[in-house]
Amino acid sequence: MKQQKFRKLLVWQKSMNLIEEIYKVTGYFPKEEVYGLTNQLRRAAVSIVLNIAEGCGAETDKEFKRFLNIALRSSYEVICGLEVGIRINYGKKTELLAVTEKCDEISAMLSGLKKRISS
């Protein structure tokens, strides 16, 4: 199987790790949140990697940047959702903060990658 170029991107690799951490921390959320905040955070985290991958298959740099923008917005959604979890005391605050920091790093990496791509 041919390895796609998105797998070589450090931001994609870190985003894949983020998914595992999001699933772990949201596993401690109340059961009534399974279709609420838990689901929203998980979908947003998965959206990051999917949009990076889809963008790598884009025909133009402009199109690639569009997918990176979507991934970046999804990372902001994850950060905000984690902050909601912290405010309403879902899970362990230290774990939620650690995952938030990792997502902040991913956001910065996505912004940097966008800047390096010509428009």
PDB file of N, CA and C in Angstrom:
ATOM      1  N   MET A   1       0.842  -1.178   0.000  1.00  0.00           N
ATOM      2  CA  MET A   1       0.000   0.000   0.000  1.00  0.00           C
ATOM      3  C   MET A   1       0.889   1.244   0.000  1.00  0.00           C
ATOM      4  N   LYS A   2       0.593   2.156  -0.893  1.00  0.00           N
ATOM      5  CA  LYS A   2       1.366   3.392  -1.013  1.00  0.00           C
ATOM      6  C   LYS A   2       1.069   4.318   0.168  1.00  0.00           C
ATOM      7  N   GLN A   3       2.130   4.833   0.782  1.00  0.00           N
ATOM      8  CA  GLN A   3       1.933   5.748   1.903  1.00  0.00           C
ATOM      9  C   GLN A   3       1.607   7.135   1.370  1.00  0.00           C
ATOM     10  N   GLN A   4       0.505   7.667   1.814  1.00  0.00           N
ATOM     11  CA  GLN A   4       0.093   9.004   1.398  1.00  0.00           C
ATOM     12  C   GLN A   4       0.920  10.048   2.136  1.00  0.00           C
ATOM     13  N   LYS A   5       1.122  11.203   1.493  1.00  0.00           N
ATOM     14  CA  LYS A   5       2.005  12.218   2.079  1.00  0.00           C
ATOM     15  C   LYS A   5       1.481  12.799   3.385  1.00  0.00           C
ATOM     16  N   PHE A   6       0.178  12.748   3.624  1.00  0.00           N
ATOM     17  CA  PHE A   6      -0.337  13.304   4.880  1.00  0.00           C
ATOM     18  C   PHE A   6       0.190  12.548   6.086  1.00  0.00           C
ATOM     19  N   ARG A   7       0.495  11.260   5.919  1.00  0.00           N
ATOM     20  CA  ARG A   7       1.005  10.461   7.041  1.00  0.00           C
ATOM     21  C   ARG A   7       2.381  10.930   7.504  1.00  0.00           C
ATOM     22  N   LYS A   8       3.093  11.624   6.633  1.00  0.00           N
ATOM     23  CA  LYS A   8       4.429  12.118   6.967  1.00  0.00           C
ATOM     24  C   LYS A   8       4.388  13.455   7.711  1.00  0.00           C
ATOM     25  N   LEU A   9       3.243  14.109   7.695  1.00  0.00           N
ATOM     26  CA  LEU A   9       3.126  15.408   8.354  1.00  0.00           C
ATOM     27  C   LEU A   9       3.051  15.236   9.871  1.00  0.00           C
ATOM     28  N   LEU A  10       3.931  15.925  10.575  1.00  0.00           N
ATOM     29  CA  LEU A  10       3.950  15.844  12.035  1.00  0.00           C
ATOM     30  C   LEU A  10       2.619  16.312  12.628  1.00  0.00           C
ATOM     31  N   VAL A  11       2.011  17.326  12.026  1.00  0.00           N
ATOM     32  CA  VAL A  11       0.734  17.825  12.542  1.00  0.00           C
ATOM     33  C   VAL A  11      -0.355  16.756  12.421  1.00  0.00           C
ATOM     34  N   TRP A  12      -0.319  15.960  11.365  1.00  0.00           N
ATOM     35  CA  TRP A  12      -1.296  14.872  11.214  1.00  0.00           C
ATOM     36  C   TRP A  12      -1.041  13.804  12.277  1.00  0.00           C
ATOM     37  N   GLN A  13       0.237  13.459  12.488  1.00  0.00           N
ATOM     38  CA  GLN A  13       0.586  12.447  13.491  1.00  0.00           C
ATOM     39  C   GLN A  13       0.159  12.884  14.892  1.00  0.00           C
ATOM     40  N   LYS A  14       0.426  14.144  15.228  1.00  0.00           N
ATOM     41  CA  LYS A  14       0.023  14.655  16.543  1.00  0.00           C
ATOM     42  C   LYS A  14      -1.501  14.697  16.667  1.00  0.00           C
ATOM     43  N   SER A  15      -2.165  14.997  15.583  1.00  0.00           N
ATOM     44  CA  SER A  15      -3.631  15.033  15.590  1.00  0.00           C
ATOM     45  C   SER A  15      -4.217  13.638  15.764  1.00  0.00           C
ATOM     46  N   MET A  16      -3.564  12.639  15.212  1.00  0.00           N
ATOM     47  CA  MET A  16      -4.005  11.251  15.431  1.00  0.00           C
ATOM     48  C   MET A  16      -3.867  10.891  16.908  1.00  0.00           C
ATOM     49  N   ASN A  17      -2.766  11.297  17.517  1.00  0.00           N
ATOM     50  CA  ASN A  17      -2.583  11.057  18.956  1.00  0.00           C
ATOM     51  C   ASN A  17      -3.644  11.791  19.773  1.00  0.00           C
ATOM     52  N   LEU A  18      -3.994  12.992  19.312  1.00  0.00           N
ATOM     53  CA  LEU A  18      -5.015  13.776  20.006  1.00  0.00           C
ATOM     54  C   LEU A  18      -6.349  13.029  20.041  1.00  0.00           C
ATOM     55  N   ILE A  19      -6.697  12.373  18.955  1.00  0.00           N
ATOM     56  CA  ILE A  19      -7.957  11.619  18.912  1.00  0.00           C
ATOM     57  C   ILE A  19      -8.001  10.598  20.042  1.00  0.00           C
ATOM     58  N   GLU A  20      -6.919   9.864  20.208  1.00  0.00           N
ATOM     59  CA  GLU A  20      -6.875   8.864  21.283  1.00  0.00           C
ATOM     60  C   GLU A  20      -7.077   9.520  22.647  1.00  0.00           C
ATOM     61  N   GLU A  21      -6.442  10.668  22.841  1.00  0.00           N
ATOM     62  CA  GLU A  21      -6.567  11.349  24.128  1.00  0.00           C
ATOM     63  C   GLU A  21      -7.970  11.914  24.337  1.00  0.00           C
ATOM     64  N   ILE A  22      -8.573  12.404  23.273  1.00  0.00           N
ATOM     65  CA  ILE A  22      -9.949  12.916  23.374  1.00  0.00           C
ATOM     66  C   ILE A  22     -10.898  11.783  23.742  1.00  0.00           C
ATOM     67  N   TYR A  23     -10.743  10.640  23.095  1.00  0.00           N
ATOM     68  CA  TYR A  23     -11.608   9.500  23.430  1.00  0.00           C
ATOM     69  C   TYR A  23     -11.405   9.084  24.887  1.00  0.00           C
ATOM     70  N   LYS A  24     -10.169   9.158  25.357  1.00  0.00           N
ATOM     71  CA  LYS A  24      -9.892   8.774  26.747  1.00  0.00           C
ATOM     72  C   LYS A  24     -10.555   9.742  27.727  1.00  0.00           C
ATOM     73  N   VAL A  25     -10.304  11.047  27.564  1.00  0.00           N
ATOM     74  CA  VAL A  25     -10.836  12.004  28.542  1.00  0.00           C
ATOM     75  C   VAL A  25     -12.354  12.116  28.473  1.00  0.00           C
ATOM     76  N   THR A  26     -12.927  11.985  27.285  1.00  0.00           N
ATOM     77  CA  THR A  26     -14.389  12.067  27.189  1.00  0.00           C
ATOM     78  C   THR A  26     -15.057  10.799  27.708  1.00  0.00           C
ATOM     79  N   GLY A  27     -14.292   9.739  27.853  1.00  0.00           N
ATOM     80  CA  GLY A  27     -14.823   8.515  28.447  1.00  0.00           C
ATOM     81  C   GLY A  27     -15.227   8.705  29.900  1.00  0.00           C
ATOM     82  N   TYR A  28     -14.693   9.756  30.530  1.00  0.00           N
ATOM     83  CA  TYR A  28     -15.032  10.071  31.920  1.00  0.00           C
ATOM     84  C   TYR A  28     -16.211  11.041  32.028  1.00  0.00           C
ATOM     85  N   PHE A  29     -16.666  11.556  30.904  1.00  0.00           N
ATOM     86  CA  PHE A  29     -17.801  12.482  30.933  1.00  0.00           C
ATOM     87  C   PHE A  29     -19.065  11.717  31.323  1.00  0.00           C
ATOM     88  N   PRO A  30     -20.053  12.413  31.863  1.00  0.00           N
ATOM     89  CA  PRO A  30     -21.307  11.741  32.233  1.00  0.00           C
ATOM     90  C   PRO A  30     -21.971  11.073  31.027  1.00  0.00           C
ATOM     91  N   LYS A  31     -22.647   9.974  31.282  1.00  0.00           N
ATOM     92  CA  LYS A  31     -23.295   9.213  30.206  1.00  0.00           C
ATOM     93  C   LYS A  31     -24.312  10.053  29.443  1.00  0.00           C
ATOM     94  N   GLU A  32     -24.954  11.004  30.121  1.00  0.00           N
ATOM     95  CA  GLU A  32     -25.946  11.830  29.424  1.00  0.00           C
ATOM     96  C   GLU A  32     -25.309  12.751  28.381  1.00  0.00           C
ATOM     97  N   GLU A  33     -23.983  12.855  28.391  1.00  0.00           N
ATOM     98  CA  GLU A  33     -23.275  13.670  27.402  1.00  0.00           C
ATOM     99  C   GLU A  33     -22.830  12.872  26.177  1.00  0.00           C
ATOM    100  N   VAL A  34     -23.159  11.597  26.133  1.00  0.00           N
ATOM    101  CA  VAL A  34     -22.675  10.761  25.030  1.00  0.00           C
ATOM    102  C   VAL A  34     -23.111  11.308  23.665  1.00  0.00           C
ATOM    103  N   TYR A  35     -24.294  11.903  23.590  1.00  0.00           N
ATOM    104  CA  TYR A  35     -24.754  12.486  22.327  1.00  0.00           C
ATOM    105  C   TYR A  35     -24.602  14.001  22.316  1.00  0.00           C
ATOM    106  N   GLY A  36     -23.976  14.542  23.340  1.00  0.00           N
ATOM    107  CA  GLY A  36     -23.758  15.979  23.450  1.00  0.00           C
ATOM    108  C   GLY A  36     -22.288  16.313  23.302  1.00  0.00           C
ATOM    109  N   LEU A  37     -21.710  16.816  24.383  1.00  0.00           N
ATOM    110  CA  LEU A  37     -20.330  17.288  24.350  1.00  0.00           C
ATOM    111  C   LEU A  37     -19.337  16.177  24.014  1.00  0.00           C
ATOM    112  N   THR A  38     -19.566  14.978  24.515  1.00  0.00           N
ATOM    113  CA  THR A  38     -18.664  13.857  24.206  1.00  0.00           C
ATOM    114  C   THR A  38     -18.587  13.634  22.705  1.00  0.00           C
ATOM    115  N   ASN A  39     -19.735  13.508  22.075  1.00  0.00           N
ATOM    116  CA  ASN A  39     -19.800  13.271  20.634  1.00  0.00           C
ATOM    117  C   ASN A  39     -19.214  14.447  19.854  1.00  0.00           C
ATOM    118  N   GLN A  40     -19.523  15.656  20.277  1.00  0.00           N
ATOM    119  CA  GLN A  40     -19.033  16.851  19.587  1.00  0.00           C
ATOM    120  C   GLN A  40     -17.508  16.922  19.617  1.00  0.00           C
ATOM    121  N   LEU A  41     -16.921  16.663  20.770  1.00  0.00           N
ATOM    122  CA  LEU A  41     -15.460  16.689  20.884  1.00  0.00           C
ATOM    123  C   LEU A  41     -14.811  15.605  20.035  1.00  0.00           C
ATOM    124  N   ARG A  42     -15.373  14.426  20.063  1.00  0.00           N
ATOM    125  CA  ARG A  42     -14.800  13.323  19.283  1.00  0.00           C
ATOM    126  C   ARG A  42     -14.882  13.605  17.791  1.00  0.00           C
ATOM    127  N   ARG A  43     -16.023  14.099  17.336  1.00  0.00           N
ATOM    128  CA  ARG A  43     -16.170  14.396  15.906  1.00  0.00           C
ATOM    129  C   ARG A  43     -15.235  15.518  15.474  1.00  0.00           C
ATOM    130  N   ALA A  44     -15.090  16.542  16.308  1.00  0.00           N
ATOM    131  CA  ALA A  44     -14.202  17.656  15.968  1.00  0.00           C
ATOM    132  C   ALA A  44     -12.745  17.195  15.892  1.00  0.00           C
ATOM    133  N   ALA A  45     -12.334  16.332  16.814  1.00  0.00           N
ATOM    134  CA  ALA A  45     -10.958  15.818  16.799  1.00  0.00           C
ATOM    135  C   ALA A  45     -10.696  14.989  15.543  1.00  0.00           C
ATOM    136  N   VAL A  46     -11.652  14.158  15.181  1.00  0.00           N
ATOM    137  CA  VAL A  46     -11.508  13.347  13.966  1.00  0.00           C
ATOM    138  C   VAL A  46     -11.503  14.250  12.731  1.00  0.00           C
ATOM    139  N   SER A  47     -12.281  15.309  12.761  1.00  0.00           N
ATOM    140  CA  SER A  47     -12.338  16.248  11.640  1.00  0.00           C
ATOM    141  C   SER A  47     -10.969  16.853  11.333  1.00  0.00           C
ATOM    142  N   ILE A  48     -10.166  17.063  12.351  1.00  0.00           N
ATOM    143  CA  ILE A  48      -8.836  17.643  12.133  1.00  0.00           C
ATOM    144  C   ILE A  48      -8.023  16.752  11.199  1.00  0.00           C
ATOM    145  N   VAL A  49      -7.894  15.474  11.532  1.00  0.00           N
ATOM    146  CA  VAL A  49      -7.061  14.579  10.710  1.00  0.00           C
ATOM    147  C   VAL A  49      -7.676  14.334   9.341  1.00  0.00           C
ATOM    148  N   LEU A  50      -8.996  14.232   9.295  1.00  0.00           N
ATOM    149  CA  LEU A  50      -9.645  13.981   8.006  1.00  0.00           C
ATOM    150  C   LEU A  50      -9.438  15.141   7.046  1.00  0.00           C
ATOM    151  N   ASN A  51      -9.508  16.355   7.546  1.00  0.00           N
ATOM    152  CA  ASN A  51      -9.323  17.510   6.667  1.00  0.00           C
ATOM    153  C   ASN A  51      -7.872  17.712   6.264  1.00  0.00           C
ATOM    154  N   ILE A  52      -6.937  17.374   7.139  1.00  0.00           N
ATOM    155  CA  ILE A  52      -5.528  17.413   6.740  1.00  0.00           C
ATOM    156  C   ILE A  52      -5.304  16.411   5.611  1.00  0.00           C
ATOM    157  N   ALA A  53      -5.808  15.207   5.783  1.00  0.00           N
ATOM    158  CA  ALA A  53      -5.633  14.164   4.766  1.00  0.00           C
ATOM    159  C   ALA A  53      -6.300  14.556   3.453  1.00  0.00           C
ATOM    160  N   GLU A  54      -7.530  15.031   3.542  1.00  0.00           N
ATOM    161  CA  GLU A  54      -8.237  15.412   2.320  1.00  0.00           C
ATOM    162  C   GLU A  54      -7.529  16.567   1.625  1.00  0.00           C
ATOM    163  N   GLY A  55      -7.030  17.509   2.407  1.00  0.00           N
ATOM    164  CA  GLY A  55      -6.310  18.634   1.832  1.00  0.00           C
ATOM    165  C   GLY A  55      -5.043  18.218   1.113  1.00  0.00           C
ATOM    166  N   CYS A  56      -4.385  17.185   1.607  1.00  0.00           N
ATOM    167  CA  CYS A  56      -3.166  16.691   0.947  1.00  0.00           C
ATOM    168  C   CYS A  56      -3.457  16.139  -0.444  1.00  0.00           C
ATOM    169  N   GLY A  57      -4.688  15.775  -0.686  1.00  0.00           N
ATOM    170  CA  GLY A  57      -5.072  15.295  -2.010  1.00  0.00           C
ATOM    171  C   GLY A  57      -5.587  16.388  -2.921  1.00  0.00           C
ATOM    172  N   ALA A  58      -5.520  17.624  -2.460  1.00  0.00           N
ATOM    173  CA  ALA A  58      -6.040  18.749  -3.232  1.00  0.00           C
ATOM    174  C   ALA A  58      -5.203  18.993  -4.482  1.00  0.00           C
ATOM    175  N   GLU A  59      -5.850  19.546  -5.478  1.00  0.00           N
ATOM    176  CA  GLU A  59      -5.192  19.850  -6.755  1.00  0.00           C
ATOM    177  C   GLU A  59      -4.340  21.118  -6.685  1.00  0.00           C
ATOM    178  N   THR A  60      -4.739  22.057  -5.836  1.00  0.00           N
ATOM    179  CA  THR A  60      -4.033  23.343  -5.772  1.00  0.00           C
ATOM    180  C   THR A  60      -3.674  23.687  -4.323  1.00  0.00           C
ATOM    181  N   ASP A  61      -2.716  24.601  -4.186  1.00  0.00           N
ATOM    182  CA  ASP A  61      -2.354  25.089  -2.853  1.00  0.00           C
ATOM    183  C   ASP A  61      -3.527  25.811  -2.200  1.00  0.00           C
ATOM    184  N   LYS A  62      -4.292  26.545  -3.001  1.00  0.00           N
ATOM    185  CA  LYS A  62      -5.449  27.269  -2.472  1.00  0.00           C
ATOM    186  C   LYS A  62      -6.456  26.296  -1.867  1.00  0.00           C
ATOM    187  N   GLU A  63      -6.691  25.201  -2.558  1.00  0.00           N
ATOM    188  CA  GLU A  63      -7.627  24.192  -2.064  1.00  0.00           C
ATOM    189  C   GLU A  63      -7.071  23.515  -0.802  1.00  0.00           C
ATOM    190  N   PHE A  64      -5.772  23.240  -0.785  1.00  0.00           N
ATOM    191  CA  PHE A  64      -5.142  22.638   0.396  1.00  0.00           C
ATOM    192  C   PHE A  64      -5.314  23.557   1.606  1.00  0.00           C
ATOM    193  N   LYS A  65      -5.077  24.856   1.404  1.00  0.00           N
ATOM    194  CA  LYS A  65      -5.234  25.815   2.498  1.00  0.00           C
ATOM    195  C   LYS A  65      -6.669  25.844   3.015  1.00  0.00           C
ATOM    196  N   ARG A  66      -7.630  25.670   2.115  1.00  0.00           N
ATOM    197  CA  ARG A  66      -9.037  25.655   2.530  1.00  0.00           C
ATOM    198  C   ARG A  66      -9.287  24.507   3.504  1.00  0.00           C
ATOM    199  N   PHE A  67      -8.744  23.327   3.202  1.00  0.00           N
ATOM    200  CA  PHE A  67      -8.907  22.183   4.102  1.00  0.00           C
ATOM    201  C   PHE A  67      -8.148  22.388   5.412  1.00  0.00           C
ATOM    202  N   LEU A  68      -6.990  23.027   5.338  1.00  0.00           N
ATOM    203  CA  LEU A  68      -6.256  23.334   6.572  1.00  0.00           C
ATOM    204  C   LEU A  68      -7.039  24.316   7.443  1.00  0.00           C
ATOM    205  N   ASN A  69      -7.739  25.250   6.798  1.00  0.00           N
ATOM    206  CA  ASN A  69      -8.594  26.174   7.554  1.00  0.00           C
ATOM    207  C   ASN A  69      -9.702  25.425   8.283  1.00  0.00           C
ATOM    208  N   ILE A  70     -10.291  24.448   7.621  1.00  0.00           N
ATOM    209  CA  ILE A  70     -11.341  23.649   8.257  1.00  0.00           C
ATOM    210  C   ILE A  70     -10.754  22.871   9.433  1.00  0.00           C
ATOM    211  N   ALA A  71      -9.578  22.282   9.231  1.00  0.00           N
ATOM    212  CA  ALA A  71      -8.911  21.546  10.315  1.00  0.00           C
ATOM    213  C   ALA A  71      -8.607  22.478  11.484  1.00  0.00           C
ATOM    214  N   LEU A  72      -8.151  23.681  11.179  1.00  0.00           N
ATOM    215  CA  LEU A  72      -7.834  24.657  12.222  1.00  0.00           C
ATOM    216  C   LEU A  72      -9.086  25.027  13.016  1.00  0.00           C
ATOM    217  N   ARG A  73     -10.186  25.255  12.311  1.00  0.00           N
ATOM    218  CA  ARG A  73     -11.436  25.585  13.009  1.00  0.00           C
ATOM    219  C   ARG A  73     -11.898  24.425  13.881  1.00  0.00           C
ATOM    220  N   SER A  74     -11.687  23.204  13.408  1.00  0.00           N
ATOM    221  CA  SER A  74     -12.039  22.036  14.227  1.00  0.00           C
ATOM    222  C   SER A  74     -11.171  21.966  15.476  1.00  0.00           C
ATOM    223  N   SER A  75      -9.900  22.354  15.355  1.00  0.00           N
ATOM    224  CA  SER A  75      -9.027  22.355  16.538  1.00  0.00           C
ATOM    225  C   SER A  75      -9.508  23.387  17.554  1.00  0.00           C
ATOM    226  N   TYR A  76      -9.986  24.532  17.072  1.00  0.00           N
ATOM    227  CA  TYR A  76     -10.548  25.538  17.982  1.00  0.00           C
ATOM    228  C   TYR A  76     -11.801  24.996  18.671  1.00  0.00           C
ATOM    229  N   GLU A  77     -12.586  24.244  17.925  1.00  0.00           N
ATOM    230  CA  GLU A  77     -13.789  23.632  18.493  1.00  0.00           C
ATOM    231  C   GLU A  77     -13.415  22.664  19.619  1.00  0.00           C
ATOM    232  N   VAL A  78     -12.363  21.878  19.400  1.00  0.00           N
ATOM    233  CA  VAL A  78     -11.899  20.951  20.438  1.00  0.00           C
ATOM    234  C   VAL A  78     -11.441  21.723  21.675  1.00  0.00           C
ATOM    235  N   ILE A  79     -10.653  22.764  21.467  1.00  0.00           N
ATOM    236  CA  ILE A  79     -10.162  23.568  22.592  1.00  0.00           C
ATOM    237  C   ILE A  79     -11.333  24.132  23.394  1.00  0.00           C
ATOM    238  N   CYS A  80     -12.291  24.698  22.706  1.00  0.00           N
ATOM    239  CA  CYS A  80     -13.449  25.280  23.387  1.00  0.00           C
ATOM    240  C   CYS A  80     -14.247  24.207  24.127  1.00  0.00           C
ATOM    241  N   GLY A  81     -14.452  23.058  23.497  1.00  0.00           N
ATOM    242  CA  GLY A  81     -15.183  21.970  24.145  1.00  0.00           C
ATOM    243  C   GLY A  81     -14.488  21.469  25.396  1.00  0.00           C
ATOM    244  N   LEU A  82     -13.161  21.397  25.337  1.00  0.00           N
ATOM    245  CA  LEU A  82     -12.404  20.990  26.524  1.00  0.00           C
ATOM    246  C   LEU A  82     -12.543  22.021  27.639  1.00  0.00           C
ATOM    247  N   GLU A  83     -12.537  23.294  27.264  1.00  0.00           N
ATOM    248  CA  GLU A  83     -12.711  24.341  28.269  1.00  0.00           C
ATOM    249  C   GLU A  83     -14.100  24.280  28.899  1.00  0.00           C
ATOM    250  N   VAL A  84     -15.104  23.921  28.108  1.00  0.00           N
ATOM    251  CA  VAL A  84     -16.442  23.712  28.666  1.00  0.00           C
ATOM    252  C   VAL A  84     -16.389  22.570  29.683  1.00  0.00           C
ATOM    253  N   GLY A  85     -15.733  21.479  29.306  1.00  0.00           N
ATOM    254  CA  GLY A  85     -15.595  20.342  30.209  1.00  0.00           C
ATOM    255  C   GLY A  85     -14.917  20.714  31.517  1.00  0.00           C
ATOM    256  N   ILE A  86     -13.909  21.567  31.430  1.00  0.00           N
ATOM    257  CA  ILE A  86     -13.213  22.033  32.634  1.00  0.00           C
ATOM    258  C   ILE A  86     -14.161  22.860  33.506  1.00  0.00           C
ATOM    259  N   ARG A  87     -14.879  23.771  32.875  1.00  0.00           N
ATOM    260  CA  ARG A  87     -15.775  24.664  33.633  1.00  0.00           C
ATOM    261  C   ARG A  87     -16.887  23.930  34.359  1.00  0.00           C
ATOM    262  N   ILE A  88     -17.386  22.863  33.738  1.00  0.00           N
ATOM    263  CA  ILE A  88     -18.512  22.157  34.360  1.00  0.00           C
ATOM    264  C   ILE A  88     -18.057  20.884  35.077  1.00  0.00           C
ATOM    265  N   ASN A  89     -16.741  20.818  35.316  1.00  0.00           N
ATOM    266  CA  ASN A  89     -16.145  19.748  36.129  1.00  0.00           C
ATOM    267  C   ASN A  89     -16.377  18.338  35.591  1.00  0.00           C
ATOM    268  N   TYR A  90     -16.176  18.175  34.290  1.00  0.00           N
ATOM    269  CA  TYR A  90     -16.217  16.846  33.681  1.00  0.00           C
ATOM    270  C   TYR A  90     -14.793  16.303  33.654  1.00  0.00           C
ATOM    271  N   GLY A  91     -14.583  15.140  34.177  1.00  0.00           N
ATOM    272  CA  GLY A  91     -13.262  14.531  34.143  1.00  0.00           C
ATOM    273  C   GLY A  91     -12.272  15.226  35.064  1.00  0.00           C
ATOM    274  N   LYS A  92     -11.005  14.896  34.859  1.00  0.00           N
ATOM    275  CA  LYS A  92      -9.931  15.462  35.674  1.00  0.00           C
ATOM    276  C   LYS A  92      -9.408  16.732  35.005  1.00  0.00           C
ATOM    277  N   LYS A  93      -9.421  17.812  35.755  1.00  0.00           N
ATOM    278  CA  LYS A  93      -9.006  19.101  35.211  1.00  0.00           C
ATOM    279  C   LYS A  93      -7.592  19.048  34.647  1.00  0.00           C
ATOM    280  N   THR A  94      -6.677  18.388  35.343  1.00  0.00           N
ATOM    281  CA  THR A  94      -5.284  18.339  34.875  1.00  0.00           C
ATOM    282  C   THR A  94      -5.177  17.623  33.529  1.00  0.00           C
ATOM    283  N   GLU A  95      -5.946  16.555  33.351  1.00  0.00           N
ATOM    284  CA  GLU A  95      -5.927  15.832  32.072  1.00  0.00           C
ATOM    285  C   GLU A  95      -6.534  16.678  30.960  1.00  0.00           C
ATOM    286  N   LEU A  96      -7.648  17.337  31.258  1.00  0.00           N
ATOM    287  CA  LEU A  96      -8.287  18.183  30.249  1.00  0.00           C
ATOM    288  C   LEU A  96      -7.378  19.340  29.848  1.00  0.00           C
ATOM    289  N   LEU A  97      -6.683  19.924  30.815  1.00  0.00           N
ATOM    290  CA  LEU A  97      -5.747  21.008  30.508  1.00  0.00           C
ATOM    291  C   LEU A  97      -4.581  20.516  29.658  1.00  0.00           C
ATOM    292  N   ALA A  98      -4.074  19.330  29.959  1.00  0.00           N
ATOM    293  CA  ALA A  98      -2.958  18.769  29.187  1.00  0.00           C
ATOM    294  C   ALA A  98      -3.371  18.526  27.736  1.00  0.00           C
ATOM    295  N   VAL A  99      -4.571  18.014  27.536  1.00  0.00           N
ATOM    296  CA  VAL A  99      -5.058  17.771  26.170  1.00  0.00           C
ATOM    297  C   VAL A  99      -5.307  19.108  25.467  1.00  0.00           C
ATOM    298  N   THR A 100      -5.797  20.090  26.199  1.00  0.00           N
ATOM    299  CA  THR A 100      -6.003  21.425  25.624  1.00  0.00           C
ATOM    300  C   THR A 100      -4.680  21.998  25.128  1.00  0.00           C
ATOM    301  N   GLU A 101      -3.623  21.842  25.902  1.00  0.00           N
ATOM    302  CA  GLU A 101      -2.303  22.335  25.488  1.00  0.00           C
ATOM    303  C   GLU A 101      -1.826  21.641  24.218  1.00  0.00           C
ATOM    304  N   LYS A 102      -2.071  20.351  24.112  1.00  0.00           N
ATOM    305  CA  LYS A 102      -1.672  19.621  22.904  1.00  0.00           C
ATOM    306  C   LYS A 102      -2.455  20.111  21.700  1.00  0.00           C
ATOM    307  N   CYS A 103      -3.721  20.415  21.908  1.00  0.00           N
ATOM    308  CA  CYS A 103      -4.533  20.928  20.808  1.00  0.00           C
ATOM    309  C   CYS A 103      -4.107  22.347  20.431  1.00  0.00           C
ATOM    310  N   ASP A 104      -3.702  23.146  21.412  1.00  0.00           N
ATOM    311  CA  ASP A 104      -3.145  24.474  21.126  1.00  0.00           C
ATOM    312  C   ASP A 104      -1.915  24.349  20.221  1.00  0.00           C
ATOM    313  N   GLU A 105      -1.072  23.370  20.513  1.00  0.00           N
ATOM    314  CA  GLU A 105       0.124  23.139  19.697  1.00  0.00           C
ATOM    315  C   GLU A 105      -0.263  22.753  18.269  1.00  0.00           C
ATOM    316  N   ILE A 106      -1.252  21.898  18.136  1.00  0.00           N
ATOM    317  CA  ILE A 106      -1.729  21.491  16.808  1.00  0.00           C
ATOM    318  C   ILE A 106      -2.267  22.698  16.050  1.00  0.00           C
ATOM    319  N   SER A 107      -3.017  23.551  16.732  1.00  0.00           N
ATOM    320  CA  SER A 107      -3.544  24.770  16.097  1.00  0.00           C
ATOM    321  C   SER A 107      -2.404  25.635  15.568  1.00  0.00           C
ATOM    322  N   ALA A 108      -1.373  25.802  16.370  1.00  0.00           N
ATOM    323  CA  ALA A 108      -0.220  26.602  15.948  1.00  0.00           C
ATOM    324  C   ALA A 108       0.482  25.959  14.756  1.00  0.00           C
ATOM    325  N   MET A 109       0.592  24.647  14.768  1.00  0.00           N
ATOM    326  CA  MET A 109       1.230  23.942  13.654  1.00  0.00           C
ATOM    327  C   MET A 109       0.415  24.100  12.373  1.00  0.00           C
ATOM    328  N   LEU A 110      -0.900  24.015  12.484  1.00  0.00           N
ATOM    329  CA  LEU A 110      -1.760  24.198  11.309  1.00  0.00           C
ATOM    330  C   LEU A 110      -1.629  25.613  10.759  1.00  0.00           C
ATOM    331  N   SER A 111      -1.592  26.594  11.641  1.00  0.00           N
ATOM    332  CA  SER A 111      -1.415  27.989  11.212  1.00  0.00           C
ATOM    333  C   SER A 111      -0.080  28.173  10.504  1.00  0.00           C
ATOM    334  N   GLY A 112       0.962  27.576  11.063  1.00  0.00           N
ATOM    335  CA  GLY A 112       2.281  27.666  10.448  1.00  0.00           C
ATOM    336  C   GLY A 112       2.335  26.996   9.086  1.00  0.00           C
ATOM    337  N   LEU A 113       1.703  25.842   8.968  1.00  0.00           N
ATOM    338  CA  LEU A 113       1.673  25.132   7.684  1.00  0.00           C
ATOM    339  C   LEU A 113       0.935  25.957   6.641  1.00  0.00           C
ATOM    340  N   LYS A 114      -0.162  26.563   7.031  1.00  0.00           N
ATOM    341  CA  LYS A 114      -0.913  27.421   6.104  1.00  0.00           C
ATOM    342  C   LYS A 114      -0.043  28.553   5.586  1.00  0.00           C
ATOM    343  N   LYS A 115       0.743  29.162   6.463  1.00  0.00           N
ATOM    344  CA  LYS A 115       1.593  30.289   6.074  1.00  0.00           C
ATOM    345  C   LYS A 115       2.693  29.865   5.111  1.00  0.00           C
ATOM    346  N   ARG A 116       3.149  28.625   5.239  1.00  0.00           N
ATOM    347  CA  ARG A 116       4.229  28.140   4.376  1.00  0.00           C
ATOM    348  C   ARG A 116       3.741  27.777   2.977  1.00  0.00           C
ATOM    349  N   ILE A 117       2.450  27.610   2.837  1.00  0.00           N
ATOM    350  CA  ILE A 117       1.899  27.243   1.531  1.00  0.00           C
ATOM    351  C   ILE A 117       1.617  28.521   0.749  1.00  0.00           C
ATOM    352  N   SER A 118       2.064  28.541  -0.484  1.00  0.00           N
ATOM    353  CA  SER A 118       1.810  29.732  -1.304  1.00  0.00           C
ATOM    354  C   SER A 118       0.326  29.814  -1.634  1.00  0.00           C
ATOM    355  N   SER A 119      -0.166  31.025  -1.829  1.00  0.00           N
ATOM    356  CA  SER A 119      -1.588  31.188  -2.161  1.00  0.00           C
ATOM    357  C   SER A 119      -1.714  31.498  -3.606  1.00  0.00           C
TER     358      SER A 119
END
